[in-house]
Amino acid sequence: MRTLANLHVGESGVVQGISAVGAVKRRFLDMGITKGVTVSIERIAPFGDPIAIRLRGYRLSLRKEEAAHIALED
């Protein structure tokens, strides 16, 4: 399964689903990470964590552990 954590700088994908539960899933939804949204990787920190993504016209930083819960369409 391809996740947001597997993408490299400049790559993008469409959100297929979120495997997180509870407060973490609610936080993703509140930030606009929903099914069908296109997300792209803008930057990755030198040690790989966090990553900066762009979606819905704004930039957002996520930890790689969090990004692994966001499944992308193939």
N, C-alpha and C. Protein backbone atom coordinates (compact mmCIF):
# COMPACT_ATOMS: atom_id res chain seq x y z
N MET A 1 0.85 -1.19 0.00
CA MET A 1 0.00 0.00 0.00
C MET A 1 0.89 1.24 0.00
N ARG A 2 0.54 2.19 -0.83
CA ARG A 2 1.30 3.44 -0.93
C ARG A 2 0.74 4.45 0.07
N THR A 3 1.63 5.04 0.86
CA THR A 3 1.21 6.03 1.85
C THR A 3 1.91 7.35 1.60
N LEU A 4 1.46 8.37 2.26
CA LEU A 4 2.06 9.69 2.14
C LEU A 4 3.53 9.66 2.59
N ALA A 5 3.85 8.81 3.55
CA ALA A 5 5.22 8.71 4.06
C ALA A 5 6.19 8.14 3.02
N ASN A 6 5.68 7.45 1.99
CA ASN A 6 6.52 6.84 0.97
C ASN A 6 6.87 7.77 -0.19
N LEU A 7 6.25 8.93 -0.26
CA LEU A 7 6.51 9.84 -1.37
C LEU A 7 7.81 10.61 -1.18
N HIS A 8 8.37 11.07 -2.29
CA HIS A 8 9.58 11.88 -2.28
C HIS A 8 9.22 13.32 -2.65
N VAL A 9 10.14 14.23 -2.45
CA VAL A 9 9.92 15.65 -2.77
C VAL A 9 9.50 15.79 -4.23
N GLY A 10 8.43 16.54 -4.46
CA GLY A 10 7.92 16.77 -5.80
C GLY A 10 6.84 15.80 -6.24
N GLU A 11 6.68 14.69 -5.54
CA GLU A 11 5.66 13.70 -5.89
C GLU A 11 4.33 14.08 -5.24
N SER A 12 3.26 13.59 -5.84
CA SER A 12 1.94 13.87 -5.28
C SER A 12 1.07 12.62 -5.39
N GLY A 13 -0.05 12.66 -4.71
CA GLY A 13 -0.99 11.55 -4.74
C GLY A 13 -2.36 12.00 -4.27
N VAL A 14 -3.33 11.14 -4.47
CA VAL A 14 -4.71 11.42 -4.07
C VAL A 14 -5.03 10.55 -2.87
N VAL A 15 -5.57 11.16 -1.83
CA VAL A 15 -5.88 10.44 -0.60
C VAL A 15 -6.99 9.43 -0.86
N GLN A 16 -6.72 8.17 -0.48
CA GLN A 16 -7.70 7.11 -0.62
C GLN A 16 -8.40 6.84 0.71
N GLY A 17 -7.69 7.01 1.81
CA GLY A 17 -8.28 6.76 3.11
C GLY A 17 -7.30 7.05 4.23
N ILE A 18 -7.80 7.03 5.46
CA ILE A 18 -7.00 7.29 6.65
C ILE A 18 -7.16 6.10 7.58
N SER A 19 -6.03 5.49 7.96
CA SER A 19 -6.09 4.32 8.83
C SER A 19 -6.00 4.67 10.32
N ALA A 20 -5.75 5.92 10.63
CA ALA A 20 -5.68 6.35 12.03
C ALA A 20 -7.08 6.32 12.64
N VAL A 21 -7.13 6.26 13.96
CA VAL A 21 -8.42 6.25 14.65
C VAL A 21 -8.43 7.33 15.73
N GLY A 22 -9.62 7.63 16.21
CA GLY A 22 -9.77 8.55 17.33
C GLY A 22 -9.36 9.97 17.04
N ALA A 23 -8.63 10.56 17.99
CA ALA A 23 -8.26 11.97 17.91
C ALA A 23 -7.33 12.27 16.73
N VAL A 24 -6.48 11.32 16.39
CA VAL A 24 -5.56 11.54 15.27
C VAL A 24 -6.34 11.64 13.96
N LYS A 25 -7.29 10.75 13.75
CA LYS A 25 -8.12 10.80 12.54
C LYS A 25 -8.91 12.10 12.49
N ARG A 26 -9.48 12.50 13.62
CA ARG A 26 -10.25 13.75 13.69
C ARG A 26 -9.37 14.93 13.33
N ARG A 27 -8.12 14.93 13.81
CA ARG A 27 -7.19 16.01 13.52
C ARG A 27 -6.90 16.09 12.02
N PHE A 28 -6.68 14.93 11.38
CA PHE A 28 -6.46 14.90 9.93
C PHE A 28 -7.65 15.50 9.20
N LEU A 29 -8.85 15.10 9.58
CA LEU A 29 -10.06 15.60 8.94
C LEU A 29 -10.20 17.11 9.14
N ASP A 30 -9.90 17.58 10.35
CA ASP A 30 -9.97 19.02 10.63
C ASP A 30 -8.97 19.82 9.80
N MET A 31 -7.83 19.19 9.46
CA MET A 31 -6.80 19.86 8.66
C MET A 31 -7.11 19.79 7.16
N GLY A 32 -8.19 19.10 6.79
CA GLY A 32 -8.59 19.04 5.39
C GLY A 32 -8.07 17.82 4.64
N ILE A 33 -7.48 16.88 5.37
CA ILE A 33 -6.99 15.66 4.73
C ILE A 33 -8.17 14.69 4.67
N THR A 34 -8.83 14.69 3.52
CA THR A 34 -10.01 13.84 3.33
C THR A 34 -9.86 13.05 2.03
N LYS A 35 -10.68 12.05 1.87
CA LYS A 35 -10.64 11.21 0.68
C LYS A 35 -10.83 12.06 -0.58
N GLY A 36 -10.00 11.81 -1.59
CA GLY A 36 -10.10 12.51 -2.86
C GLY A 36 -9.25 13.76 -2.98
N VAL A 37 -8.61 14.19 -1.91
CA VAL A 37 -7.79 15.41 -1.93
C VAL A 37 -6.40 15.08 -2.47
N THR A 38 -5.88 15.93 -3.33
CA THR A 38 -4.52 15.76 -3.84
C THR A 38 -3.54 16.41 -2.88
N VAL A 39 -2.51 15.65 -2.50
CA VAL A 39 -1.46 16.16 -1.62
C VAL A 39 -0.12 15.99 -2.32
N SER A 40 0.78 16.93 -2.10
CA SER A 40 2.11 16.82 -2.69
C SER A 40 3.17 17.11 -1.63
N ILE A 41 4.32 16.49 -1.78
CA ILE A 41 5.43 16.67 -0.85
C ILE A 41 6.24 17.87 -1.31
N GLU A 42 6.40 18.85 -0.43
CA GLU A 42 7.19 20.04 -0.76
C GLU A 42 8.61 19.97 -0.21
N ARG A 43 8.74 19.49 1.02
CA ARG A 43 10.05 19.41 1.65
C ARG A 43 10.08 18.25 2.62
N ILE A 44 11.29 17.74 2.83
CA ILE A 44 11.52 16.74 3.86
C ILE A 44 12.70 17.22 4.68
N ALA A 45 12.57 17.22 6.00
CA ALA A 45 13.65 17.67 6.88
C ALA A 45 14.90 16.81 6.68
N PRO A 46 16.07 17.34 7.01
CA PRO A 46 17.32 16.61 6.78
C PRO A 46 17.35 15.19 7.34
N PHE A 47 16.76 14.95 8.47
CA PHE A 47 16.75 13.60 9.04
C PHE A 47 15.47 12.84 8.70
N GLY A 48 14.67 13.38 7.77
CA GLY A 48 13.48 12.70 7.28
C GLY A 48 12.19 12.98 8.04
N ASP A 49 12.27 13.78 9.08
CA ASP A 49 11.07 14.03 9.88
C ASP A 49 11.15 15.44 10.45
N PRO A 50 10.19 16.31 10.27
CA PRO A 50 8.88 16.12 9.63
C PRO A 50 8.94 16.34 8.12
N ILE A 51 7.78 16.20 7.49
CA ILE A 51 7.66 16.47 6.06
C ILE A 51 6.65 17.60 5.87
N ALA A 52 6.91 18.43 4.87
CA ALA A 52 5.99 19.53 4.54
C ALA A 52 5.19 19.11 3.32
N ILE A 53 3.87 19.17 3.44
CA ILE A 53 3.00 18.81 2.33
C ILE A 53 2.14 20.01 1.95
N ARG A 54 1.64 19.98 0.72
CA ARG A 54 0.73 21.03 0.26
C ARG A 54 -0.57 20.37 -0.14
N LEU A 55 -1.66 20.94 0.36
CA LEU A 55 -2.99 20.48 0.00
C LEU A 55 -3.96 21.64 0.14
N ARG A 56 -4.96 21.67 -0.71
CA ARG A 56 -6.01 22.70 -0.66
C ARG A 56 -5.46 24.13 -0.59
N GLY A 57 -4.28 24.36 -1.19
CA GLY A 57 -3.73 25.70 -1.25
C GLY A 57 -2.94 26.16 -0.04
N TYR A 58 -2.66 25.25 0.91
CA TYR A 58 -1.84 25.66 2.06
C TYR A 58 -0.80 24.58 2.36
N ARG A 59 0.19 24.94 3.15
CA ARG A 59 1.28 24.05 3.52
C ARG A 59 1.05 23.54 4.94
N LEU A 60 1.41 22.28 5.15
CA LEU A 60 1.18 21.61 6.43
C LEU A 60 2.37 20.72 6.72
N SER A 61 2.79 20.65 7.98
CA SER A 61 3.87 19.76 8.38
C SER A 61 3.30 18.58 9.16
N LEU A 62 3.78 17.39 8.81
CA LEU A 62 3.37 16.17 9.49
C LEU A 62 4.60 15.35 9.84
N ARG A 63 4.50 14.60 10.91
CA ARG A 63 5.56 13.64 11.23
C ARG A 63 5.39 12.46 10.30
N LYS A 64 6.51 11.80 10.01
CA LYS A 64 6.47 10.66 9.11
C LYS A 64 5.56 9.55 9.65
N GLU A 65 5.55 9.38 10.96
CA GLU A 65 4.69 8.38 11.60
C GLU A 65 3.21 8.68 11.33
N GLU A 66 2.85 9.96 11.35
CA GLU A 66 1.47 10.36 11.06
C GLU A 66 1.16 10.16 9.58
N ALA A 67 2.11 10.53 8.72
CA ALA A 67 1.91 10.41 7.27
C ALA A 67 1.72 8.97 6.84
N ALA A 68 2.24 8.03 7.60
CA ALA A 68 2.09 6.60 7.27
C ALA A 68 0.64 6.14 7.41
N HIS A 69 -0.20 6.89 8.09
CA HIS A 69 -1.61 6.54 8.26
C HIS A 69 -2.48 7.03 7.10
N ILE A 70 -1.89 7.78 6.16
CA ILE A 70 -2.66 8.34 5.05
C ILE A 70 -2.38 7.54 3.79
N ALA A 71 -3.34 6.72 3.38
CA ALA A 71 -3.22 5.86 2.20
C ALA A 71 -3.52 6.64 0.93
N LEU A 72 -2.77 6.37 -0.11
CA LEU A 72 -2.93 7.06 -1.39
C LEU A 72 -3.40 6.08 -2.46
N GLU A 73 -4.10 6.59 -3.46
CA GLU A 73 -4.54 5.76 -4.58
C GLU A 73 -3.33 5.36 -5.40
N ASP A 74 -3.40 4.17 -6.02
CA ASP A 74 -2.28 3.69 -6.84
C ASP A 74 -2.27 4.30 -8.20
